[in-house]
Amino acid sequence: MEAHAIIDSDELLAIGIDKRSAWRRVQRGRLFRLHVGVYSVVPPQLLRPRGRWLAGVKAGKPDAVLSFGYAAALWELRAPPSGRVHVSVPGSSGRRSRPGLCVHRCSSLTSGDLTVRDGISVTTPSRTLRDVKRTASTARFEAMLAQAAHQQYDLGAFAFEEPNRNEIERRFLTLCRRHGLPSPVTQRIIGPYTVDFFWPGARLVVETDGFETHGTRGNFESDRARDAWLATQGYRVVRFTWRQLRDEPESVIRTLRRLLGE
């Protein structure tokens, strides 16, 4: 069976099917043309995302690889995007962008940035993160970075040591004291949950998120269920990441001052 139900003209020729024979099969509904020289053996509406992505890579031959948000989806760092499939080629080689396909010419793309996953040529997790960082929101990029760390991918330049829970809490409390904010109650039990920080008078809950404790899909969903339940009980819930505490302390304090009426 063709990988992901995709086959190109070179592969067809290797089994004795030339361009004219391939076209006859298209007319009879036995092949379905997706790009120049790239076909599906099932109707396009039945193709799974990875089939569409492989078709894009084959259309960008000879050396195209899946990249940007589509590479992130293949590495299961985000949900599959929609629109044109994005592929990258080194230097100025490769075909041009066209309907259904966006081709990036990347002079910095090296053999160390390339690999294969599930039969699809793709940028490595580290290179993928470098690419998506340029366009992704901070929140989306941090979520992808957290997922990559959780899956223990080689992150290259993005490797980091995640502080433990106590270090995160100490930084947050120190930040509050340094800026003269009232001290919160820590590890307060509210209903079925234990919250990180709580200001009873303002009914304000603050949760500090680290990759290690909040980076999985299951933890992400349970955190949102917790937030929803607290909101129904009249509490305001704010989450700050380790990166925000480390790199954007002034923004954290401004937010807290507004919420506490300081």
C-alpha atoms as a PDB file:
ATOM      1  CA  MET A   1       0.000   0.000   0.000  1.00  0.00           C
ATOM      2  CA  GLU A   2       1.342   3.455  -0.924  1.00  0.00           C
ATOM      3  CA  ALA A   3       2.447   5.481   2.104  1.00  0.00           C
ATOM      4  CA  HIS A   4      -0.558   7.452   3.353  1.00  0.00           C
ATOM      5  CA  ALA A   5      -2.323   6.627   0.058  1.00  0.00           C
ATOM      6  CA  ILE A   6       0.003   8.983  -1.857  1.00  0.00           C
ATOM      7  CA  ILE A   7       2.102   8.139  -4.916  1.00  0.00           C
ATOM      8  CA  ASP A   8       4.061  10.315  -7.327  1.00  0.00           C
ATOM      9  CA  SER A   9       4.925  10.018 -11.019  1.00  0.00           C
ATOM     10  CA  ASP A  10       8.393   8.566 -10.365  1.00  0.00           C
ATOM     11  CA  GLU A  11       6.900   5.822  -8.190  1.00  0.00           C
ATOM     12  CA  LEU A  12       4.235   5.126 -10.796  1.00  0.00           C
ATOM     13  CA  LEU A  13       6.867   4.882 -13.520  1.00  0.00           C
ATOM     14  CA  ALA A  14       8.841   2.409 -11.390  1.00  0.00           C
ATOM     15  CA  ILE A  15       5.852   0.051 -11.539  1.00  0.00           C
ATOM     16  CA  GLY A  16       5.293   0.566 -15.260  1.00  0.00           C
ATOM     17  CA  ILE A  17       2.724   3.378 -15.278  1.00  0.00           C
ATOM     18  CA  ASP A  18       3.802   6.322 -17.429  1.00  0.00           C
ATOM     19  CA  LYS A  19       2.202   9.786 -17.497  1.00  0.00           C
ATOM     20  CA  ARG A  20      -0.338   8.855 -20.172  1.00  0.00           C
ATOM     21  CA  SER A  21      -1.413   5.746 -18.269  1.00  0.00           C
ATOM     22  CA  ALA A  22      -1.610   7.741 -15.062  1.00  0.00           C
ATOM     23  CA  TRP A  23      -3.879  10.288 -16.755  1.00  0.00           C
ATOM     24  CA  ARG A  24      -6.187   7.529 -17.973  1.00  0.00           C
ATOM     25  CA  ARG A  25      -6.453   6.267 -14.401  1.00  0.00           C
ATOM     26  CA  VAL A  26      -7.327   9.788 -13.258  1.00  0.00           C
ATOM     27  CA  GLN A  27     -10.103   9.970 -15.866  1.00  0.00           C
ATOM     28  CA  ARG A  28     -11.465   6.623 -14.703  1.00  0.00           C
ATOM     29  CA  GLY A  29     -11.401   7.612 -11.028  1.00  0.00           C
ATOM     30  CA  ARG A  30      -8.659   5.170 -10.060  1.00  0.00           C
ATOM     31  CA  LEU A  31      -6.158   7.925  -9.262  1.00  0.00           C
ATOM     32  CA  PHE A  32      -6.796  11.455  -7.976  1.00  0.00           C
ATOM     33  CA  ARG A  33      -4.429  14.266  -8.938  1.00  0.00           C
ATOM     34  CA  LEU A  34      -3.438  16.479  -5.980  1.00  0.00           C
ATOM     35  CA  HIS A  35      -0.436  18.339  -7.416  1.00  0.00           C
ATOM     36  CA  VAL A  36       1.602  18.133 -10.601  1.00  0.00           C
ATOM     37  CA  GLY A  37       2.938  14.576 -10.614  1.00  0.00           C
ATOM     38  CA  VAL A  38       1.394  13.675  -7.235  1.00  0.00           C
ATOM     39  CA  TYR A  39      -1.677  11.486  -6.832  1.00  0.00           C
ATOM     40  CA  SER A  40      -3.867   9.929  -4.201  1.00  0.00           C
ATOM     41  CA  VAL A  41      -5.213   6.393  -4.547  1.00  0.00           C
ATOM     42  CA  VAL A  42      -8.308   7.360  -2.539  1.00  0.00           C
ATOM     43  CA  PRO A  43     -10.697  10.282  -3.076  1.00  0.00           C
ATOM     44  CA  PRO A  44      -9.182  13.497  -1.622  1.00  0.00           C
ATOM     45  CA  GLN A  45     -12.016  13.886   0.877  1.00  0.00           C
ATOM     46  CA  LEU A  46     -10.995  10.553   2.417  1.00  0.00           C
ATOM     47  CA  LEU A  47      -7.346  11.517   2.813  1.00  0.00           C
ATOM     48  CA  ARG A  48      -6.097  11.870   6.349  1.00  0.00           C
ATOM     49  CA  PRO A  49      -4.008  14.946   7.215  1.00  0.00           C
ATOM     50  CA  ARG A  50      -0.719  13.076   6.937  1.00  0.00           C
ATOM     51  CA  GLY A  51      -1.599  12.009   3.419  1.00  0.00           C
ATOM     52  CA  ARG A  52      -2.156  15.623   2.435  1.00  0.00           C
ATOM     53  CA  TRP A  53       1.123  16.618   4.081  1.00  0.00           C
ATOM     54  CA  LEU A  54       3.075  13.883   2.295  1.00  0.00           C
ATOM     55  CA  ALA A  55       1.542  15.008  -0.991  1.00  0.00           C
ATOM     56  CA  GLY A  56       2.853  18.511  -0.332  1.00  0.00           C
ATOM     57  CA  VAL A  57       6.347  17.220   0.381  1.00  0.00           C
ATOM     58  CA  LYS A  58       6.339  15.118  -2.807  1.00  0.00           C
ATOM     59  CA  ALA A  59       5.099  18.110  -4.792  1.00  0.00           C
ATOM     60  CA  GLY A  60       8.056  20.157  -3.557  1.00  0.00           C
ATOM     61  CA  LYS A  61      10.657  17.633  -4.743  1.00  0.00           C
ATOM     62  CA  PRO A  62      13.494  16.984  -4.954  1.00  0.00           C
ATOM     63  CA  ASP A  63      14.400  17.984  -1.395  1.00  0.00           C
ATOM     64  CA  ALA A  64      11.346  19.514   0.267  1.00  0.00           C
ATOM     65  CA  VAL A  65      10.485  18.770   3.891  1.00  0.00           C
ATOM     66  CA  LEU A  66       7.360  19.449   5.897  1.00  0.00           C
ATOM     67  CA  SER A  67       7.894  22.565   8.012  1.00  0.00           C
ATOM     68  CA  PHE A  68       6.465  25.306  10.223  1.00  0.00           C
ATOM     69  CA  GLY A  69       3.032  24.606  11.726  1.00  0.00           C
ATOM     70  CA  TYR A  70       2.590  21.411   9.745  1.00  0.00           C
ATOM     71  CA  ALA A  71       5.864  20.012  11.062  1.00  0.00           C
ATOM     72  CA  ALA A  72       4.722  20.956  14.568  1.00  0.00           C
ATOM     73  CA  ALA A  73       1.503  19.040  13.969  1.00  0.00           C
ATOM     74  CA  LEU A  74       3.406  15.993  12.702  1.00  0.00           C
ATOM     75  CA  TRP A  75       5.489  16.071  15.896  1.00  0.00           C
ATOM     76  CA  GLU A  76       2.187  16.344  17.814  1.00  0.00           C
ATOM     77  CA  LEU A  77       3.068  19.718  19.281  1.00  0.00           C
ATOM     78  CA  ARG A  78      -0.164  21.369  18.103  1.00  0.00           C
ATOM     79  CA  ALA A  79      -3.420  20.635  16.335  1.00  0.00           C
ATOM     80  CA  PRO A  80      -3.231  20.260  12.537  1.00  0.00           C
ATOM     81  CA  PRO A  81      -3.440  23.658  10.812  1.00  0.00           C
ATOM     82  CA  SER A  82      -5.632  24.374   7.810  1.00  0.00           C
ATOM     83  CA  GLY A  83      -4.858  25.983   4.475  1.00  0.00           C
ATOM     84  CA  ARG A  84      -1.841  25.461   2.252  1.00  0.00           C
ATOM     85  CA  VAL A  85       0.681  22.834   3.303  1.00  0.00           C
ATOM     86  CA  HIS A  86       4.027  24.447   4.220  1.00  0.00           C
ATOM     87  CA  VAL A  87       7.279  22.848   3.118  1.00  0.00           C
ATOM     88  CA  SER A  88      10.859  24.105   3.185  1.00  0.00           C
ATOM     89  CA  VAL A  89      13.704  23.600   0.720  1.00  0.00           C
ATOM     90  CA  PRO A  90      17.396  24.502   1.188  1.00  0.00           C
ATOM     91  CA  GLY A  91      18.752  27.503  -0.660  1.00  0.00           C
ATOM     92  CA  SER A  92      16.922  28.461  -3.814  1.00  0.00           C
ATOM     93  CA  SER A  93      16.108  24.933  -4.966  1.00  0.00           C
ATOM     94  CA  GLY A  94      12.684  23.352  -5.178  1.00  0.00           C
ATOM     95  CA  ARG A  95       9.468  24.251  -6.909  1.00  0.00           C
ATOM     96  CA  ARG A  96       7.511  27.446  -6.390  1.00  0.00           C
ATOM     97  CA  SER A  97       4.495  27.982  -4.161  1.00  0.00           C
ATOM     98  CA  ARG A  98       1.183  27.198  -5.818  1.00  0.00           C
ATOM     99  CA  PRO A  99      -2.433  26.520  -4.844  1.00  0.00           C
ATOM    100  CA  GLY A 100      -2.416  24.210  -1.847  1.00  0.00           C
ATOM    101  CA  LEU A 101       1.350  24.465  -1.279  1.00  0.00           C
ATOM    102  CA  CYS A 102       3.570  27.119   0.301  1.00  0.00           C
ATOM    103  CA  VAL A 103       7.297  26.643  -0.365  1.00  0.00           C
ATOM    104  CA  HIS A 104       9.864  28.325   1.918  1.00  0.00           C
ATOM    105  CA  ARG A 105      13.384  28.708   0.570  1.00  0.00           C
ATOM    106  CA  CYS A 106      15.694  28.529   3.590  1.00  0.00           C
ATOM    107  CA  SER A 107      19.413  29.109   3.098  1.00  0.00           C
ATOM    108  CA  SER A 108      19.997  28.171   6.758  1.00  0.00           C
ATOM    109  CA  LEU A 109      18.401  24.727   6.365  1.00  0.00           C
ATOM    110  CA  THR A 110      21.042  22.027   6.858  1.00  0.00           C
ATOM    111  CA  SER A 111      21.076  18.245   6.894  1.00  0.00           C
ATOM    112  CA  GLY A 112      21.065  18.407  10.699  1.00  0.00           C
ATOM    113  CA  ASP A 113      17.664  20.109  10.546  1.00  0.00           C
ATOM    114  CA  LEU A 114      16.056  17.261   8.582  1.00  0.00           C
ATOM    115  CA  THR A 115      14.660  13.883   9.515  1.00  0.00           C
ATOM    116  CA  VAL A 116      11.814  11.502   8.650  1.00  0.00           C
ATOM    117  CA  ARG A 117       8.744  10.782  10.780  1.00  0.00           C
ATOM    118  CA  ASP A 118       6.049   8.315   9.778  1.00  0.00           C
ATOM    119  CA  GLY A 119       7.431   8.195   6.232  1.00  0.00           C
ATOM    120  CA  ILE A 120       7.335  11.997   5.814  1.00  0.00           C
ATOM    121  CA  SER A 121      10.447  14.162   5.427  1.00  0.00           C
ATOM    122  CA  VAL A 122      10.184  16.880   8.076  1.00  0.00           C
ATOM    123  CA  THR A 123      12.209  19.433  10.005  1.00  0.00           C
ATOM    124  CA  THR A 124      13.501  18.226  13.371  1.00  0.00           C
ATOM    125  CA  PRO A 125      11.654  19.313  16.538  1.00  0.00           C
ATOM    126  CA  SER A 126      14.381  21.848  17.319  1.00  0.00           C
ATOM    127  CA  ARG A 127      14.302  23.370  13.808  1.00  0.00           C
ATOM    128  CA  THR A 128      10.506  23.309  13.824  1.00  0.00           C
ATOM    129  CA  LEU A 129      10.459  25.316  17.053  1.00  0.00           C
ATOM    130  CA  ARG A 130      12.909  27.827  15.576  1.00  0.00           C
ATOM    131  CA  ASP A 131      10.608  28.279  12.584  1.00  0.00           C
ATOM    132  CA  VAL A 132       7.302  28.572  14.412  1.00  0.00           C
ATOM    133  CA  LYS A 133       8.681  30.960  17.039  1.00  0.00           C
ATOM    134  CA  ARG A 134       8.748  33.684  14.378  1.00  0.00           C
ATOM    135  CA  THR A 135       4.987  33.696  13.891  1.00  0.00           C
ATOM    136  CA  ALA A 136       3.359  31.924  16.842  1.00  0.00           C
ATOM    137  CA  SER A 137       1.938  33.803  19.800  1.00  0.00           C
ATOM    138  CA  THR A 138       3.874  33.552  23.056  1.00  0.00           C
ATOM    139  CA  ALA A 139       1.199  31.331  24.584  1.00  0.00           C
ATOM    140  CA  ARG A 140       1.089  28.972  21.603  1.00  0.00           C
ATOM    141  CA  PHE A 141       4.868  28.753  21.362  1.00  0.00           C
ATOM    142  CA  GLU A 142       5.200  28.003  25.075  1.00  0.00           C
ATOM    143  CA  ALA A 143       2.575  25.278  24.770  1.00  0.00           C
ATOM    144  CA  MET A 144       4.503  23.690  21.889  1.00  0.00           C
ATOM    145  CA  LEU A 145       7.781  23.993  23.754  1.00  0.00           C
ATOM    146  CA  ALA A 146       6.224  22.372  26.809  1.00  0.00           C
ATOM    147  CA  GLN A 147       4.858  19.503  24.736  1.00  0.00           C
ATOM    148  CA  ALA A 148       8.232  18.979  23.045  1.00  0.00           C
ATOM    149  CA  ALA A 149       9.935  18.837  26.430  1.00  0.00           C
ATOM    150  CA  HIS A 150       7.320  16.417  27.754  1.00  0.00           C
ATOM    151  CA  GLN A 151       7.905  14.108  24.793  1.00  0.00           C
ATOM    152  CA  GLN A 152      11.642  14.332  25.453  1.00  0.00           C
ATOM    153  CA  TYR A 153      12.554  15.542  21.992  1.00  0.00           C
ATOM    154  CA  ASP A 154      16.062  16.881  21.428  1.00  0.00           C
ATOM    155  CA  LEU A 155      15.379  20.604  21.710  1.00  0.00           C
ATOM    156  CA  GLY A 156      18.839  21.850  20.789  1.00  0.00           C
ATOM    157  CA  ALA A 157      18.945  25.597  21.441  1.00  0.00           C
ATOM    158  CA  PHE A 158      15.627  25.380  23.239  1.00  0.00           C
ATOM    159  CA  ALA A 159      16.875  22.962  25.902  1.00  0.00           C
ATOM    160  CA  PHE A 160      16.229  24.297  29.363  1.00  0.00           C
ATOM    161  CA  GLU A 161      16.075  23.237  32.970  1.00  0.00           C
ATOM    162  CA  GLU A 162      12.586  23.626  34.369  1.00  0.00           C
ATOM    163  CA  PRO A 163      12.511  24.902  37.958  1.00  0.00           C
ATOM    164  CA  ASN A 164      10.644  22.790  40.463  1.00  0.00           C
ATOM    165  CA  ARG A 165       7.400  23.820  42.127  1.00  0.00           C
ATOM    166  CA  ASN A 166       9.106  25.294  45.218  1.00  0.00           C
ATOM    167  CA  GLU A 167      11.382  27.497  43.104  1.00  0.00           C
ATOM    168  CA  ILE A 168       8.439  28.863  41.150  1.00  0.00           C
ATOM    169  CA  GLU A 169       6.475  29.625  44.322  1.00  0.00           C
ATOM    170  CA  ARG A 170       9.481  31.307  45.971  1.00  0.00           C
ATOM    171  CA  ARG A 171       9.986  33.552  42.953  1.00  0.00           C
ATOM    172  CA  PHE A 172       6.324  34.558  42.938  1.00  0.00           C
ATOM    173  CA  LEU A 173       6.225  35.353  46.681  1.00  0.00           C
ATOM    174  CA  THR A 174       9.484  37.295  46.458  1.00  0.00           C
ATOM    175  CA  LEU A 175       8.062  39.294  43.562  1.00  0.00           C
ATOM    176  CA  CYS A 176       4.960  40.186  45.593  1.00  0.00           C
ATOM    177  CA  ARG A 177       6.994  41.270  48.629  1.00  0.00           C
ATOM    178  CA  ARG A 178       9.442  43.281  46.560  1.00  0.00           C
ATOM    179  CA  HIS A 179       6.609  45.337  45.070  1.00  0.00           C
ATOM    180  CA  GLY A 180       4.661  45.790  48.275  1.00  0.00           C
ATOM    181  CA  LEU A 181       1.671  43.625  47.444  1.00  0.00           C
ATOM    182  CA  PRO A 182      -0.270  41.970  50.264  1.00  0.00           C
ATOM    183  CA  SER A 183       0.926  38.423  50.930  1.00  0.00           C
ATOM    184  CA  PRO A 184      -1.371  35.723  49.550  1.00  0.00           C
ATOM    185  CA  VAL A 185      -2.456  32.566  51.342  1.00  0.00           C
ATOM    186  CA  THR A 186      -0.541  29.630  49.849  1.00  0.00           C
ATOM    187  CA  GLN A 187      -1.834  26.136  49.114  1.00  0.00           C
ATOM    188  CA  ARG A 188      -5.392  27.032  50.099  1.00  0.00           C
ATOM    189  CA  ILE A 189      -8.049  24.323  49.740  1.00  0.00           C
ATOM    190  CA  ILE A 190     -11.132  25.571  47.897  1.00  0.00           C
ATOM    191  CA  GLY A 191     -13.753  22.902  47.302  1.00  0.00           C
ATOM    192  CA  PRO A 192     -12.082  19.898  45.668  1.00  0.00           C
ATOM    193  CA  TYR A 193      -8.957  21.858  44.705  1.00  0.00           C
ATOM    194  CA  THR A 194      -5.782  23.169  46.290  1.00  0.00           C
ATOM    195  CA  VAL A 195      -4.779  26.486  44.703  1.00  0.00           C
ATOM    196  CA  ASP A 196      -1.285  27.958  44.610  1.00  0.00           C
ATOM    197  CA  PHE A 197      -2.019  31.487  45.864  1.00  0.00           C
ATOM    198  CA  PHE A 198      -5.205  33.059  47.187  1.00  0.00           C
ATOM    199  CA  TRP A 199      -6.275  36.564  48.260  1.00  0.00           C
ATOM    200  CA  PRO A 200      -9.545  35.986  50.171  1.00  0.00           C
ATOM    201  CA  GLY A 201     -10.688  39.632  50.145  1.00  0.00           C
ATOM    202  CA  ALA A 202     -10.412  39.882  46.379  1.00  0.00           C
ATOM    203  CA  ARG A 203     -11.494  36.274  45.817  1.00  0.00           C
ATOM    204  CA  LEU A 204      -8.459  36.078  43.552  1.00  0.00           C
ATOM    205  CA  VAL A 205      -6.658  32.814  42.768  1.00  0.00           C
ATOM    206  CA  VAL A 206      -3.261  32.774  41.098  1.00  0.00           C
ATOM    207  CA  GLU A 207      -1.785  29.584  39.646  1.00  0.00           C
ATOM    208  CA  THR A 208       1.865  29.476  38.580  1.00  0.00           C
ATOM    209  CA  ASP A 209       2.435  27.092  35.701  1.00  0.00           C
ATOM    210  CA  GLY A 210       5.647  25.245  34.975  1.00  0.00           C
ATOM    211  CA  PHE A 211       6.260  22.985  31.971  1.00  0.00           C
ATOM    212  CA  GLU A 212       6.977  19.968  34.147  1.00  0.00           C
ATOM    213  CA  THR A 213       3.664  20.074  36.025  1.00  0.00           C
ATOM    214  CA  HIS A 214       1.375  21.594  33.417  1.00  0.00           C
ATOM    215  CA  GLY A 215       2.911  20.652  30.060  1.00  0.00           C
ATOM    216  CA  THR A 216       0.837  17.605  29.137  1.00  0.00           C
ATOM    217  CA  ARG A 217      -2.507  17.594  27.375  1.00  0.00           C
ATOM    218  CA  GLY A 218      -4.153  15.888  30.345  1.00  0.00           C
ATOM    219  CA  ASN A 219      -2.854  18.489  32.778  1.00  0.00           C
ATOM    220  CA  PHE A 220      -3.869  21.286  30.430  1.00  0.00           C
ATOM    221  CA  GLU A 221      -7.445  19.996  30.349  1.00  0.00           C
ATOM    222  CA  SER A 222      -7.640  19.391  34.103  1.00  0.00           C
ATOM    223  CA  ASP A 223      -6.322  22.916  34.736  1.00  0.00           C
ATOM    224  CA  ARG A 224      -9.104  24.357  32.572  1.00  0.00           C
ATOM    225  CA  ALA A 225     -11.728  22.255  34.373  1.00  0.00           C
ATOM    226  CA  ARG A 226     -10.403  23.595  37.690  1.00  0.00           C
ATOM    227  CA  ASP A 227     -10.535  27.185  36.414  1.00  0.00           C
ATOM    228  CA  ALA A 228     -14.102  26.729  35.179  1.00  0.00           C
ATOM    229  CA  TRP A 229     -15.275  25.309  38.514  1.00  0.00           C
ATOM    230  CA  LEU A 230     -13.632  28.132  40.483  1.00  0.00           C
ATOM    231  CA  ALA A 231     -15.239  30.700  38.182  1.00  0.00           C
ATOM    232  CA  THR A 232     -18.695  29.230  38.846  1.00  0.00           C
ATOM    233  CA  GLN A 233     -18.035  29.737  42.577  1.00  0.00           C
ATOM    234  CA  GLY A 234     -17.244  33.409  42.086  1.00  0.00           C
ATOM    235  CA  TYR A 235     -13.447  33.279  42.096  1.00  0.00           C
ATOM    236  CA  ARG A 236     -11.185  35.013  39.593  1.00  0.00           C
ATOM    237  CA  VAL A 237      -8.364  32.797  38.361  1.00  0.00           C
ATOM    238  CA  VAL A 238      -5.153  34.097  36.765  1.00  0.00           C
ATOM    239  CA  ARG A 239      -2.268  31.957  35.536  1.00  0.00           C
ATOM    240  CA  PHE A 240       1.334  33.068  35.179  1.00  0.00           C
ATOM    241  CA  THR A 241       4.054  30.976  33.541  1.00  0.00           C
ATOM    242  CA  TRP A 242       7.612  30.588  34.758  1.00  0.00           C
ATOM    243  CA  ARG A 243       8.790  32.595  31.769  1.00  0.00           C
ATOM    244  CA  GLN A 244       6.485  35.485  32.702  1.00  0.00           C
ATOM    245  CA  LEU A 245       7.759  35.499  36.283  1.00  0.00           C
ATOM    246  CA  ARG A 246      11.341  35.405  35.057  1.00  0.00           C
ATOM    247  CA  ASP A 247      11.212  37.723  32.030  1.00  0.00           C
ATOM    248  CA  GLU A 248       8.139  39.941  32.499  1.00  0.00           C
ATOM    249  CA  PRO A 249       7.824  40.636  36.244  1.00  0.00           C
ATOM    250  CA  GLU A 250       6.573  44.197  35.703  1.00  0.00           C
ATOM    251  CA  SER A 251       3.670  42.921  33.610  1.00  0.00           C
ATOM    252  CA  VAL A 252       2.798  40.356  36.297  1.00  0.00           C
ATOM    253  CA  ILE A 253       2.771  43.042  39.000  1.00  0.00           C
ATOM    254  CA  ARG A 254       0.630  45.431  36.914  1.00  0.00           C
ATOM    255  CA  THR A 255      -1.941  42.667  36.414  1.00  0.00           C
ATOM    256  CA  LEU A 256      -1.991  41.819  40.109  1.00  0.00           C
ATOM    257  CA  ARG A 257      -2.348  45.475  41.141  1.00  0.00           C
ATOM    258  CA  ARG A 258      -5.387  45.899  38.909  1.00  0.00           C
ATOM    259  CA  LEU A 259      -7.032  42.732  40.190  1.00  0.00           C
ATOM    260  CA  LEU A 260      -6.317  43.541  43.826  1.00  0.00           C
ATOM    261  CA  GLY A 261      -7.413  47.153  43.473  1.00  0.00           C
ATOM    262  CA  GLU A 262      -4.010  48.412  44.573  1.00  0.00           C
END
